[in-house]
Amino acid sequence: MRRKIVFYRTAEGRCPIEEFFDSIPGKELQKITWVLRIVEELDIVPRQYFKKLTDTDEIWECRIDIGRIGYRILCFMDSGNLVILTNGFSKKSQKTPPGEISRAERYRNDYLKRRIS
């Protein structure tokens, strides 16, 4: 089952993941794109690239490590094969910042509420 990646947009039309991508140098963005392609195309994605975060409201994390920089893209699933990218950040410690997880959960709730109405 192939997954399809889409970008979350706020009700006002802002796209946080596009804003994040705009802040990343070209070579690093290429590696991020490569990892996202793996998420789309492989039935079973290695955990080093894609894993569900524990103690969250169905939030997943795409993991991209380039040298000593760890980029993380948070997302959630919809309709089984749709991956909605919400927000991204560069990671400096082992733990995912709680504020980033909260943001992804808010975006997920907003998306689901607007999808149903």
C-alpha atoms as a PDB file:
ATOM      1  CA  MET A   1       0.000   0.000   0.000  1.00  0.00           C
ATOM      2  CA  ARG A   2       1.606   3.199  -1.179  1.00  0.00           C
ATOM      3  CA  ARG A   3       1.387   6.207   1.083  1.00  0.00           C
ATOM      4  CA  LYS A   4       0.727   9.711  -0.159  1.00  0.00           C
ATOM      5  CA  ILE A   5       2.314  12.699   1.561  1.00  0.00           C
ATOM      6  CA  VAL A   6       0.412  15.975   1.796  1.00  0.00           C
ATOM      7  CA  PHE A   7       1.177  19.204   3.641  1.00  0.00           C
ATOM      8  CA  TYR A   8      -1.114  20.465   6.384  1.00  0.00           C
ATOM      9  CA  ARG A   9      -2.498  23.976   5.824  1.00  0.00           C
ATOM     10  CA  THR A  10      -4.105  26.168   8.465  1.00  0.00           C
ATOM     11  CA  ALA A  11      -7.611  27.549   7.912  1.00  0.00           C
ATOM     12  CA  GLU A  12      -5.880  30.806   6.857  1.00  0.00           C
ATOM     13  CA  GLY A  13      -3.843  28.950   4.214  1.00  0.00           C
ATOM     14  CA  ARG A  14      -0.462  28.985   6.012  1.00  0.00           C
ATOM     15  CA  CYS A  15       1.693  25.909   5.472  1.00  0.00           C
ATOM     16  CA  PRO A  16       4.109  25.407   8.404  1.00  0.00           C
ATOM     17  CA  ILE A  17       6.008  22.568   6.702  1.00  0.00           C
ATOM     18  CA  GLU A  18       6.684  24.698   3.592  1.00  0.00           C
ATOM     19  CA  GLU A  19       7.994  27.456   5.859  1.00  0.00           C
ATOM     20  CA  PHE A  20      10.285  24.904   7.523  1.00  0.00           C
ATOM     21  CA  PHE A  21      11.535  23.599   4.154  1.00  0.00           C
ATOM     22  CA  ASP A  22      12.260  27.174   3.023  1.00  0.00           C
ATOM     23  CA  SER A  23      14.701  27.518   5.952  1.00  0.00           C
ATOM     24  CA  ILE A  24      16.799  24.464   5.018  1.00  0.00           C
ATOM     25  CA  PRO A  25      19.856  24.526   2.705  1.00  0.00           C
ATOM     26  CA  GLY A  26      19.410  22.802  -0.679  1.00  0.00           C
ATOM     27  CA  LYS A  27      21.676  19.759  -0.117  1.00  0.00           C
ATOM     28  CA  GLU A  28      19.989  18.991   3.191  1.00  0.00           C
ATOM     29  CA  LEU A  29      16.552  19.445   1.639  1.00  0.00           C
ATOM     30  CA  GLN A  30      17.515  16.816  -0.951  1.00  0.00           C
ATOM     31  CA  LYS A  31      18.152  14.271   1.821  1.00  0.00           C
ATOM     32  CA  ILE A  32      14.850  15.181   3.500  1.00  0.00           C
ATOM     33  CA  THR A  33      13.056  14.658   0.173  1.00  0.00           C
ATOM     34  CA  TRP A  34      14.805  11.290  -0.204  1.00  0.00           C
ATOM     35  CA  VAL A  35      13.569  10.139   3.240  1.00  0.00           C
ATOM     36  CA  LEU A  36      10.029  11.333   2.484  1.00  0.00           C
ATOM     37  CA  ARG A  37      10.130   9.294  -0.733  1.00  0.00           C
ATOM     38  CA  ILE A  38      11.044   6.213   1.344  1.00  0.00           C
ATOM     39  CA  VAL A  39       8.039   6.890   3.588  1.00  0.00           C
ATOM     40  CA  GLU A  40       5.803   7.093   0.512  1.00  0.00           C
ATOM     41  CA  GLU A  41       7.132   4.087  -1.359  1.00  0.00           C
ATOM     42  CA  LEU A  42       8.123   1.368   1.127  1.00  0.00           C
ATOM     43  CA  ASP A  43       5.450  -0.836   2.703  1.00  0.00           C
ATOM     44  CA  ILE A  44       7.567  -1.185   5.833  1.00  0.00           C
ATOM     45  CA  VAL A  45       9.627   1.927   6.554  1.00  0.00           C
ATOM     46  CA  PRO A  46      12.734   1.370   8.735  1.00  0.00           C
ATOM     47  CA  ARG A  47      12.305   2.854  12.234  1.00  0.00           C
ATOM     48  CA  GLN A  48      15.416   4.939  11.739  1.00  0.00           C
ATOM     49  CA  TYR A  49      13.338   7.035   9.293  1.00  0.00           C
ATOM     50  CA  PHE A  50       9.742   6.822  10.510  1.00  0.00           C
ATOM     51  CA  LYS A  51       8.238   5.945  13.869  1.00  0.00           C
ATOM     52  CA  LYS A  52       5.192   6.630  15.981  1.00  0.00           C
ATOM     53  CA  LEU A  53       5.908   8.817  18.998  1.00  0.00           C
ATOM     54  CA  THR A  54       4.810   7.272  22.283  1.00  0.00           C
ATOM     55  CA  ASP A  55       2.414   9.139  24.567  1.00  0.00           C
ATOM     56  CA  THR A  56       1.084  11.302  21.730  1.00  0.00           C
ATOM     57  CA  ASP A  57      -2.232  11.664  19.938  1.00  0.00           C
ATOM     58  CA  GLU A  58      -1.240   9.527  16.905  1.00  0.00           C
ATOM     59  CA  ILE A  59       1.769  11.671  15.981  1.00  0.00           C
ATOM     60  CA  TRP A  60       4.530  10.147  13.865  1.00  0.00           C
ATOM     61  CA  GLU A  61       8.070  11.402  13.329  1.00  0.00           C
ATOM     62  CA  CYS A  62      10.106  11.379  10.107  1.00  0.00           C
ATOM     63  CA  ARG A  63      13.758  11.276  11.119  1.00  0.00           C
ATOM     64  CA  ILE A  64      16.511  12.713   8.965  1.00  0.00           C
ATOM     65  CA  ASP A  65      20.073  12.864  10.277  1.00  0.00           C
ATOM     66  CA  ILE A  66      22.648  14.820   8.316  1.00  0.00           C
ATOM     67  CA  GLY A  67      26.034  14.952   9.980  1.00  0.00           C
ATOM     68  CA  ARG A  68      25.430  16.182  13.515  1.00  0.00           C
ATOM     69  CA  ILE A  69      22.111  17.816  12.659  1.00  0.00           C
ATOM     70  CA  GLY A  70      18.911  15.885  13.233  1.00  0.00           C
ATOM     71  CA  TYR A  71      15.885  17.121  11.339  1.00  0.00           C
ATOM     72  CA  ARG A  72      12.463  15.960  12.437  1.00  0.00           C
ATOM     73  CA  ILE A  73       9.165  16.277  10.640  1.00  0.00           C
ATOM     74  CA  LEU A  74       6.038  15.525  12.617  1.00  0.00           C
ATOM     75  CA  CYS A  75       2.974  14.122  10.928  1.00  0.00           C
ATOM     76  CA  PHE A  76      -0.140  11.990  11.346  1.00  0.00           C
ATOM     77  CA  MET A  77      -1.986   9.434   9.266  1.00  0.00           C
ATOM     78  CA  ASP A  78      -5.400   9.844   7.658  1.00  0.00           C
ATOM     79  CA  SER A  79      -7.469   7.246   5.812  1.00  0.00           C
ATOM     80  CA  GLY A  80      -4.755   4.621   6.225  1.00  0.00           C
ATOM     81  CA  ASN A  81      -2.373   5.770   3.505  1.00  0.00           C
ATOM     82  CA  LEU A  82      -2.390   9.575   3.729  1.00  0.00           C
ATOM     83  CA  VAL A  83       0.533  11.109   5.636  1.00  0.00           C
ATOM     84  CA  ILE A  84      -0.147  14.708   6.666  1.00  0.00           C
ATOM     85  CA  LEU A  85       3.097  16.607   7.387  1.00  0.00           C
ATOM     86  CA  THR A  86       2.484  19.235  10.068  1.00  0.00           C
ATOM     87  CA  ASN A  87       5.696  20.858  11.322  1.00  0.00           C
ATOM     88  CA  GLY A  88       9.439  20.386  11.321  1.00  0.00           C
ATOM     89  CA  PHE A  89      12.448  21.404  13.370  1.00  0.00           C
ATOM     90  CA  SER A  90      16.127  20.685  13.807  1.00  0.00           C
ATOM     91  CA  LYS A  91      16.816  18.573  16.836  1.00  0.00           C
ATOM     92  CA  LYS A  92      19.605  19.276  19.260  1.00  0.00           C
ATOM     93  CA  SER A  93      18.853  16.717  21.993  1.00  0.00           C
ATOM     94  CA  GLN A  94      17.512  13.184  22.306  1.00  0.00           C
ATOM     95  CA  LYS A  95      13.995  14.195  23.333  1.00  0.00           C
ATOM     96  CA  THR A  96      11.491  15.669  20.916  1.00  0.00           C
ATOM     97  CA  PRO A  97      10.484  19.110  22.243  1.00  0.00           C
ATOM     98  CA  PRO A  98       7.025  18.904  23.871  1.00  0.00           C
ATOM     99  CA  GLY A  99       6.016  22.200  22.223  1.00  0.00           C
ATOM    100  CA  GLU A 100       6.587  20.697  18.766  1.00  0.00           C
ATOM    101  CA  ILE A 101       4.479  17.641  19.656  1.00  0.00           C
ATOM    102  CA  SER A 102       1.693  19.893  21.003  1.00  0.00           C
ATOM    103  CA  ARG A 103       1.784  21.924  17.787  1.00  0.00           C
ATOM    104  CA  ALA A 104       1.464  18.760  15.679  1.00  0.00           C
ATOM    105  CA  GLU A 105      -1.451  17.561  17.825  1.00  0.00           C
ATOM    106  CA  ARG A 106      -3.197  20.961  17.466  1.00  0.00           C
ATOM    107  CA  TYR A 107      -2.729  20.833  13.694  1.00  0.00           C
ATOM    108  CA  ARG A 108      -4.071  17.255  13.619  1.00  0.00           C
ATOM    109  CA  ASN A 109      -7.176  18.224  15.609  1.00  0.00           C
ATOM    110  CA  ASP A 110      -7.752  21.247  13.362  1.00  0.00           C
ATOM    111  CA  TYR A 111      -7.351  19.135  10.222  1.00  0.00           C
ATOM    112  CA  LEU A 112      -9.757  16.451  11.439  1.00  0.00           C
ATOM    113  CA  LYS A 113     -12.337  19.021  12.574  1.00  0.00           C
ATOM    114  CA  ARG A 114     -12.265  20.832   9.225  1.00  0.00           C
ATOM    115  CA  ARG A 115     -12.243  17.585   7.236  1.00  0.00           C
ATOM    116  CA  ILE A 116     -15.446  16.452   8.934  1.00  0.00           C
ATOM    117  CA  SER A 117     -17.330  19.757   8.655  1.00  0.00           C
END
